[in-house]
Amino acid sequence: MTIPTRRIGALTVSAQGLGCMGMSQGYGAGDETESIATVHRALDLGVTLLDTANVYGRGANEELVGRAVKGRRDGVVLATKFGIAAQSPDGPTIRGDAAYVREQIDLSLGRLGLDHVDLYYAHRVDPNVPVEETVGAMAELVTAGKVRYLGLSEASAASIRRAHAVHPITALQSEWSLWTRGIEDEVLPTCRELGIGIVPFSPLGRGFLTGKLNASPDADADLRTKMPRFGGENFEHNRAIVAALEALAAERGVTAGQLALAWVQSRGDDVVPIPGTKRRGYLEENVAAATIELSDSDIAAIEAAAPADAFAGDRYAAGMMRAVGK
């Protein structure tokens, strides 16, 4: 199994990365031994892009990833983020002021045990701080050698343009999958005009598009319990759509998750999804999707089976939705 490479902005990375958040939060208890083994297996398979953030596990995820890459740093393009300073039922507190940017990179580097990160994202755009201030401070980190390339996450097309005018933006990380396609109207064309790569997170719909979730999550530690798509009638409605995707996948001899990942990857050579997992078995299933080629008729069939406007429910609760697309 050999994974190909792609370009996002000025960076060359594996055609699929690994999202590490779930190793420390969001989907139940973690297992550090298995998580580190999963990172090592990813590197063995040629996955080079690892994604974390200062907020994941309140810093624990950066520490875990730092331990996992120790001794293998040369084979890693390491991405982390800043910007979500606190979380509450009313939504996250976002900070993009220059002092916070400078403070957080040093804290992240300390947890990671590294002298620089390859890709540094503003996790969300602070609505109370000009994006020029945020990116200006990030650019200072490039000059200082603490960061190689800059990125934004869940930003609007207008913010992307303003940020890129201050310093080249290498990557835009946003949710993109068969059931979350909001970036396609304005954000995606803007990124392509400016030469910015796309890094879709949750390309498997937080596991929903794999077809392996047969009931609404009910564990307190599972963040999906707070997401409208995963509850009650929305869950049952959406599960019926995924059943159609499963049938289509079975005809091709692949899993529904692999077909959903292949669809995201087919969106362009500047697209590098980062499916998250904390288990080697799921990692290997995901990586196998990186070499699936889809014809135009395959893509049409997938989109007919799982049209974006057919899914029910918002992707976040109202508080979190207010932080998206700023």
Protein backbone atom coordinates (compact mmCIF):
# COMPACT_ATOMS: atom_id res chain seq x y z
CA MET A 1 0.00 0.00 0.00
CA THR A 2 1.65 3.24 -1.16
CA ILE A 3 -0.07 6.55 -0.70
CA PRO A 4 0.52 9.22 -3.37
CA THR A 5 1.44 12.82 -2.64
CA ARG A 6 -0.29 16.11 -3.39
CA ARG A 7 0.51 19.80 -3.19
CA ILE A 8 -1.32 22.19 -0.88
CA GLY A 9 -0.01 25.64 -1.54
CA ALA A 10 3.78 25.37 -1.30
CA LEU A 11 3.70 22.14 0.73
CA THR A 12 4.02 18.60 -0.60
CA VAL A 13 2.16 16.13 1.62
CA SER A 14 0.56 12.72 1.46
CA ALA A 15 -2.74 12.67 -0.43
CA GLN A 16 -4.46 11.88 2.87
CA GLY A 17 -3.48 13.09 6.32
CA LEU A 18 -4.38 11.95 9.82
CA GLY A 19 -6.59 13.96 12.16
CA CYS A 20 -5.45 13.29 15.72
CA MET A 21 -8.13 15.07 17.79
CA GLY A 22 -10.13 11.93 18.58
CA MET A 23 -7.11 10.38 20.26
CA SER A 24 -7.60 12.82 23.15
CA GLN A 25 -11.20 14.05 23.08
CA GLY A 26 -14.59 13.92 21.45
CA TYR A 27 -15.24 10.23 20.91
CA GLY A 28 -14.94 8.51 24.25
CA ALA A 29 -11.93 7.36 26.23
CA GLY A 30 -8.56 7.38 24.54
CA ASP A 31 -5.86 4.72 24.52
CA GLU A 32 -2.45 6.33 24.29
CA THR A 33 -0.63 3.13 23.35
CA GLU A 34 -2.98 2.40 20.46
CA SER A 35 -3.03 6.05 19.43
CA ILE A 36 0.75 6.26 19.20
CA ALA A 37 0.79 2.94 17.35
CA THR A 38 -1.75 4.42 14.93
CA VAL A 39 0.47 7.45 14.27
CA HIS A 40 3.47 5.16 13.70
CA ARG A 41 1.46 2.98 11.34
CA ALA A 42 0.34 6.07 9.44
CA LEU A 43 3.94 7.15 8.96
CA ASP A 44 4.87 3.63 7.84
CA LEU A 45 2.12 3.81 5.20
CA GLY A 46 3.44 7.10 3.87
CA VAL A 47 1.02 9.46 5.61
CA THR A 48 3.03 12.61 6.31
CA LEU A 49 0.43 15.23 7.37
CA LEU A 50 -0.53 15.02 11.05
CA ASP A 51 -3.12 17.45 12.43
CA THR A 52 -3.62 18.57 16.02
CA ALA A 53 -4.53 21.75 17.92
CA ASN A 54 -3.82 23.44 21.23
CA VAL A 55 -7.45 22.99 22.32
CA TYR A 56 -7.66 19.22 21.72
CA GLY A 57 -7.66 17.56 25.12
CA ARG A 58 -6.62 20.93 26.55
CA GLY A 59 -3.13 20.43 25.22
CA ALA A 60 -2.93 16.68 25.82
CA ASN A 61 -3.25 15.91 22.12
CA GLU A 62 -0.22 18.00 21.21
CA GLU A 63 1.73 16.22 23.93
CA LEU A 64 0.64 12.83 22.58
CA VAL A 65 1.51 13.73 18.99
CA GLY A 66 4.86 15.07 20.14
CA ARG A 67 5.67 11.76 21.79
CA ALA A 68 4.50 9.87 18.70
CA VAL A 69 6.74 11.76 16.27
CA LYS A 70 9.83 11.73 18.47
CA GLY A 71 12.66 10.28 16.41
CA ARG A 72 10.61 10.50 13.20
CA ARG A 73 10.25 14.27 12.79
CA ASP A 74 11.88 14.36 9.35
CA GLY A 75 9.02 12.33 7.88
CA VAL A 76 6.25 14.52 9.29
CA VAL A 77 4.45 17.65 8.15
CA LEU A 78 3.02 18.71 11.48
CA ALA A 79 0.04 21.05 11.66
CA THR A 80 -1.42 22.60 14.79
CA LYS A 81 -3.84 25.43 15.54
CA PHE A 82 -4.66 28.23 17.94
CA GLY A 83 -7.72 30.40 18.41
CA ILE A 84 -10.35 28.52 20.42
CA ALA A 85 -9.51 29.89 23.86
CA ALA A 86 -12.49 28.39 25.70
CA GLN A 87 -15.61 26.37 24.99
CA SER A 88 -19.11 26.62 26.47
CA PRO A 89 -22.69 25.68 25.55
CA ASP A 90 -23.09 29.17 24.12
CA GLY A 91 -20.21 28.61 21.72
CA PRO A 92 -16.44 28.98 21.75
CA THR A 93 -14.45 32.01 22.84
CA ILE A 94 -12.25 32.93 19.89
CA ARG A 95 -9.00 34.86 20.21
CA GLY A 96 -6.89 36.12 17.35
CA ASP A 97 -5.12 39.05 18.96
CA ALA A 98 -1.38 39.30 18.36
CA ALA A 99 -0.41 38.69 21.99
CA TYR A 100 -2.43 35.46 22.07
CA VAL A 101 -0.89 34.24 18.80
CA ARG A 102 2.64 34.78 20.12
CA GLU A 103 1.84 33.15 23.45
CA GLN A 104 0.15 30.08 22.00
CA ILE A 105 2.88 29.07 19.55
CA ASP A 106 5.39 28.84 22.38
CA LEU A 107 3.01 26.77 24.48
CA SER A 108 2.30 24.46 21.53
CA LEU A 109 5.97 24.00 20.71
CA GLY A 110 6.64 23.15 24.35
CA ARG A 111 3.94 20.49 24.42
CA LEU A 112 5.03 19.06 21.08
CA GLY A 113 8.69 19.08 22.07
CA LEU A 114 9.61 20.75 18.76
CA ASP A 115 11.38 23.91 17.64
CA HIS A 116 8.91 24.60 14.82
CA VAL A 117 5.65 23.46 13.26
CA ASP A 118 5.17 23.11 9.53
CA LEU A 119 1.65 24.51 9.26
CA TYR A 120 0.01 26.85 11.77
CA TYR A 121 -3.71 27.52 11.51
CA ALA A 122 -5.96 30.13 13.01
CA HIS A 123 -8.58 27.64 14.22
CA ARG A 124 -11.38 30.20 13.85
CA VAL A 125 -11.38 33.84 12.78
CA ASP A 126 -11.84 36.20 15.73
CA PRO A 127 -14.81 38.45 14.88
CA ASN A 128 -13.48 41.11 17.25
CA VAL A 129 -9.96 41.37 15.86
CA PRO A 130 -9.03 42.33 12.29
CA VAL A 131 -7.78 39.23 10.52
CA GLU A 132 -4.85 41.36 9.36
CA GLU A 133 -3.66 41.59 12.98
CA THR A 134 -3.95 37.85 13.48
CA VAL A 135 -2.12 36.94 10.28
CA GLY A 136 0.44 39.67 10.81
CA ALA A 137 1.38 38.08 14.13
CA MET A 138 1.44 34.65 12.49
CA ALA A 139 3.77 36.03 9.81
CA GLU A 140 6.16 37.15 12.55
CA LEU A 141 6.35 33.51 13.65
CA VAL A 142 7.45 32.52 10.14
CA THR A 143 10.21 35.12 10.28
CA ALA A 144 11.24 33.83 13.70
CA GLY A 145 11.49 30.25 12.37
CA LYS A 146 8.80 28.89 14.67
CA VAL A 147 6.36 28.22 11.81
CA ARG A 148 6.94 27.35 8.15
CA TYR A 149 3.52 27.95 6.55
CA LEU A 150 0.22 29.55 7.56
CA GLY A 151 -3.37 28.37 7.37
CA LEU A 152 -6.91 29.34 8.28
CA SER A 153 -9.78 27.15 9.42
CA GLU A 154 -13.51 27.67 8.75
CA ALA A 155 -12.90 31.16 7.35
CA SER A 156 -15.10 33.07 4.93
CA ALA A 157 -13.98 33.93 1.41
CA ALA A 158 -13.63 37.59 2.39
CA SER A 159 -11.42 36.77 5.39
CA ILE A 160 -9.28 34.49 3.26
CA ARG A 161 -8.64 37.29 0.77
CA ARG A 162 -7.75 39.76 3.51
CA ALA A 163 -5.46 37.27 5.23
CA HIS A 164 -3.70 36.28 2.01
CA ALA A 165 -2.96 39.94 1.28
CA VAL A 166 -0.93 40.10 4.51
CA HIS A 167 0.99 36.82 4.10
CA PRO A 168 0.52 33.86 1.74
CA ILE A 169 -1.99 31.38 3.13
CA THR A 170 -0.99 27.81 2.31
CA ALA A 171 -4.06 25.86 3.42
CA LEU A 172 -7.71 26.30 4.35
CA GLN A 173 -9.02 23.65 6.74
CA SER A 174 -12.80 23.34 6.77
CA GLU A 175 -15.37 20.60 7.13
CA TRP A 176 -16.10 19.09 3.71
CA SER A 177 -17.78 15.81 2.94
CA LEU A 178 -20.78 14.40 1.14
CA TRP A 179 -23.04 15.87 3.80
CA THR A 180 -21.19 19.16 4.43
CA ARG A 181 -20.61 21.07 1.22
CA GLY A 182 -20.93 24.70 2.26
CA ILE A 183 -17.43 25.70 1.11
CA GLU A 184 -18.20 24.90 -2.51
CA ASP A 185 -20.04 28.11 -3.41
CA GLU A 186 -17.57 30.86 -2.43
CA VAL A 187 -14.71 29.56 -0.29
CA LEU A 188 -13.45 26.86 -2.65
CA PRO A 189 -13.29 29.11 -5.75
CA THR A 190 -11.50 31.78 -3.71
CA CYS A 191 -8.89 29.33 -2.48
CA ARG A 192 -8.27 28.05 -5.97
CA GLU A 193 -7.93 31.56 -7.35
CA LEU A 194 -5.28 32.30 -4.70
CA GLY A 195 -3.49 28.92 -4.89
CA ILE A 196 -4.52 27.82 -1.40
CA GLY A 197 -4.83 24.10 -0.72
CA ILE A 198 -7.93 22.56 0.87
CA VAL A 199 -7.67 20.30 3.94
CA PRO A 200 -11.13 18.85 4.67
CA PHE A 201 -11.70 17.71 8.23
CA SER A 202 -14.43 15.21 9.12
CA PRO A 203 -14.53 13.90 5.52
CA LEU A 204 -16.41 10.87 6.89
CA GLY A 205 -19.07 12.99 8.59
CA ARG A 206 -17.64 12.21 12.04
CA GLY A 207 -18.02 8.53 11.26
CA PHE A 208 -21.63 8.73 10.11
CA LEU A 209 -20.82 8.15 6.43
CA THR A 210 -19.07 4.87 7.21
CA GLY A 211 -22.44 3.27 8.00
CA LYS A 212 -20.96 1.83 11.19
CA LEU A 213 -22.99 4.05 13.51
CA ASN A 214 -26.28 2.25 13.95
CA ALA A 215 -27.77 4.30 16.76
CA SER A 216 -27.56 7.87 18.02
CA PRO A 217 -24.52 8.39 20.27
CA ASP A 218 -25.44 8.57 23.95
CA ALA A 219 -22.13 8.71 25.80
CA ASP A 220 -21.39 11.94 27.67
CA ALA A 221 -17.87 11.97 26.24
CA ASP A 222 -19.10 11.80 22.63
CA LEU A 223 -19.32 15.28 21.10
CA ARG A 224 -21.82 14.02 18.52
CA THR A 225 -24.55 13.94 21.16
CA LYS A 226 -24.68 17.75 20.84
CA MET A 227 -24.84 17.77 17.03
CA PRO A 228 -28.33 17.98 15.51
CA ARG A 229 -27.58 15.55 12.68
CA PHE A 230 -26.96 12.72 15.12
CA GLY A 231 -30.15 12.94 17.15
CA GLY A 232 -33.65 11.51 16.96
CA GLU A 233 -35.50 11.77 13.67
CA ASN A 234 -32.53 13.42 11.98
CA PHE A 235 -30.41 10.37 12.73
CA GLU A 236 -32.96 7.96 11.26
CA HIS A 237 -33.48 10.13 8.18
CA ASN A 238 -29.75 10.46 7.55
CA ARG A 239 -29.09 6.78 8.23
CA ALA A 240 -31.42 5.85 5.35
CA ILE A 241 -29.34 7.99 2.97
CA VAL A 242 -26.14 6.34 4.11
CA ALA A 243 -27.73 2.93 3.48
CA ALA A 244 -27.94 3.89 -0.18
CA LEU A 245 -24.26 4.82 -0.11
CA GLU A 246 -23.47 1.45 1.47
CA ALA A 247 -25.27 -0.36 -1.33
CA LEU A 248 -23.30 1.59 -3.93
CA ALA A 249 -20.04 0.81 -2.14
CA ALA A 250 -20.85 -2.89 -2.00
CA GLU A 251 -21.21 -2.92 -5.78
CA ARG A 252 -17.64 -1.66 -6.06
CA GLY A 253 -16.24 -3.98 -3.40
CA VAL A 254 -15.32 -1.16 -1.01
CA THR A 255 -16.77 0.22 2.21
CA ALA A 256 -19.12 3.19 2.41
CA GLY A 257 -16.42 5.11 4.25
CA GLN A 258 -13.90 4.43 1.51
CA LEU A 259 -16.35 5.58 -1.13
CA ALA A 260 -17.08 8.77 0.83
CA LEU A 261 -13.35 9.46 1.21
CA ALA A 262 -12.70 8.77 -2.46
CA TRP A 263 -15.39 11.31 -3.34
CA VAL A 264 -13.67 14.02 -1.27
CA GLN A 265 -10.30 13.15 -2.79
CA SER A 266 -11.78 13.33 -6.28
CA ARG A 267 -12.64 17.01 -5.79
CA GLY A 268 -9.17 18.08 -6.94
CA ASP A 269 -5.44 17.54 -6.67
CA ASP A 270 -5.30 20.41 -4.18
CA VAL A 271 -7.54 18.55 -1.71
CA VAL A 272 -6.00 16.58 1.18
CA PRO A 273 -8.58 15.20 3.62
CA ILE A 274 -7.59 14.39 7.19
CA PRO A 275 -9.89 11.62 8.43
CA GLY A 276 -9.44 11.12 12.14
CA THR A 277 -9.03 7.83 13.94
CA LYS A 278 -7.31 6.42 16.99
CA ARG A 279 -7.20 2.83 15.75
CA ARG A 280 -4.85 1.18 13.27
CA GLY A 281 -7.59 -0.87 11.62
CA TYR A 282 -9.64 2.18 10.66
CA LEU A 283 -6.49 4.01 9.59
CA GLU A 284 -5.61 1.24 7.15
CA GLU A 285 -9.16 1.24 5.76
CA ASN A 286 -8.98 5.00 5.24
CA VAL A 287 -5.54 4.99 3.63
CA ALA A 288 -6.68 2.30 1.18
CA ALA A 289 -9.21 4.82 -0.14
CA ALA A 290 -6.43 7.16 -1.27
CA THR A 291 -5.85 5.14 -4.42
CA ILE A 292 -9.50 4.59 -5.39
CA GLU A 293 -10.21 6.26 -8.72
CA LEU A 294 -13.74 7.37 -9.53
CA SER A 295 -15.17 7.94 -12.99
CA ASP A 296 -17.60 10.73 -13.77
CA SER A 297 -20.42 8.18 -13.66
CA ASP A 298 -19.21 6.94 -10.26
CA ILE A 299 -19.27 10.48 -8.90
CA ALA A 300 -22.74 11.10 -10.32
CA ALA A 301 -24.01 7.90 -8.72
CA ILE A 302 -22.49 8.80 -5.34
CA GLU A 303 -23.99 12.28 -5.38
CA ALA A 304 -27.37 10.89 -6.43
CA ALA A 305 -27.28 8.38 -3.56
CA ALA A 306 -26.18 10.98 -0.98
CA PRO A 307 -27.15 14.48 -2.15
CA ALA A 308 -26.00 17.17 0.26
CA ASP A 309 -29.40 18.85 0.54
CA ALA A 310 -31.05 15.59 1.54
CA PHE A 311 -29.37 15.35 4.95
CA ALA A 312 -31.28 16.67 7.97
CA GLY A 313 -29.92 18.84 10.77
CA ASP A 314 -27.15 21.40 11.21
CA ARG A 315 -23.62 20.14 11.63
CA TYR A 316 -23.16 22.01 14.92
CA ALA A 317 -25.37 23.34 17.66
CA ALA A 318 -26.20 27.04 17.32
CA GLY A 319 -23.31 28.29 19.49
CA MET A 320 -20.66 26.53 17.44
CA MET A 321 -22.30 27.47 14.16
CA ARG A 322 -21.86 31.14 15.05
CA ALA A 323 -18.07 30.67 14.94
CA VAL A 324 -18.06 29.25 11.41
CA GLY A 325 -17.48 31.21 8.23
CA LYS A 326 -16.22 34.43 9.82
